[in-house]
Amino acid sequence: MSSAPEQFDAWEIEESGPADASTRVLLLAGALCSAPFYDDLVAAPPLASAPVRLVAATLPGHAGTTPPEDLSLENYAALAGTLAAERGCDVVVGHSLGANIALEMAAGGHFDGPVVLLSPAFSASDEDKVLAIADTLGRVPGVGALAWSGLLKVAPRAMAGHLPEERRAALTAEFGKNDPAFCRAAVRHYFAYFGRHGSLVDRLRDSGVPAWVVRGDHDDVGLSPEERAGLEASPGVTLVDVPGAGHLVMIDQPVAVAELVARVALG
């Protein structure tokens, strides 16, 4: 990890909502995804009609964008904290890996406002087993590069069934922009982060920021009974279960998620 904050100005961002809104929300996309994965949420009436400026950002390096030099989650959190400050954001919403970065923004002291965490993982054992297997194969010399190249070729097709038909082509095309070498390295850093911190439940609780943990009722990323109990016992954390949603909760149930984000943003 870097000993000093990295300077980075290559964020790819999509903004919407009133330019003069007094409240701004940073939306961090998930792993291998991009800002357009938030389009359904942004268009949902509770947010589309709210006096809120939405700043949707692709995580650097994902979906073919320019990566930072340091791929650690701690560095991503520092970079996102700088972005939130520069854009005057009052709330951070993150999905999946973006949610874990939002969590680390709070835990690492890079952001002290409310965070809405959509489908985060709180430990390595929560993660989808396919990702864990890909990380293991990715570490094998002579095999890792081929494994990630193959995975990214089949991933858009595997993902298609989780997307609404009218958005399927556009979003799988975004997913297909990912570079195998970057993904291999980024996922290695992701699991290394859990190795440094273990369970993130206490880390979120001890951050002291108001946090909402939002999960679909058939999310592929797990949440152990112990983790759920720890979150429920954390005074600043609110657990929100969303019926009829999987890991892409903001696409499966955009209105429900938009209502929550608008409520948090507008107090």
Foldseek 3Di string as FASTA:
>chain_A
DDPDQDDDDFKDKDKDADPPQPAEEEEEEAALFFQCLLVLLCPAVLNVVFSYMYIYIYQAQHLQHHHTPDLALLNSLLVVLVVCVVVVHQEYEYAESGLVSVLSVLLVVSHAHEYEYQQYAQAPVQDQVVLVVLLVQLVDPPRNLVSLVVCLVCVLVVCQVQAPPVCSVVGSNSSSSHDSVSVNVNSNSVNVNCVVPPGCLVSSLVSPYQYEYEAEPAESGHADPVSVVSQVPRVRYHYHYDYQHYSSRCRRPSNVVSNVVSVSRVD
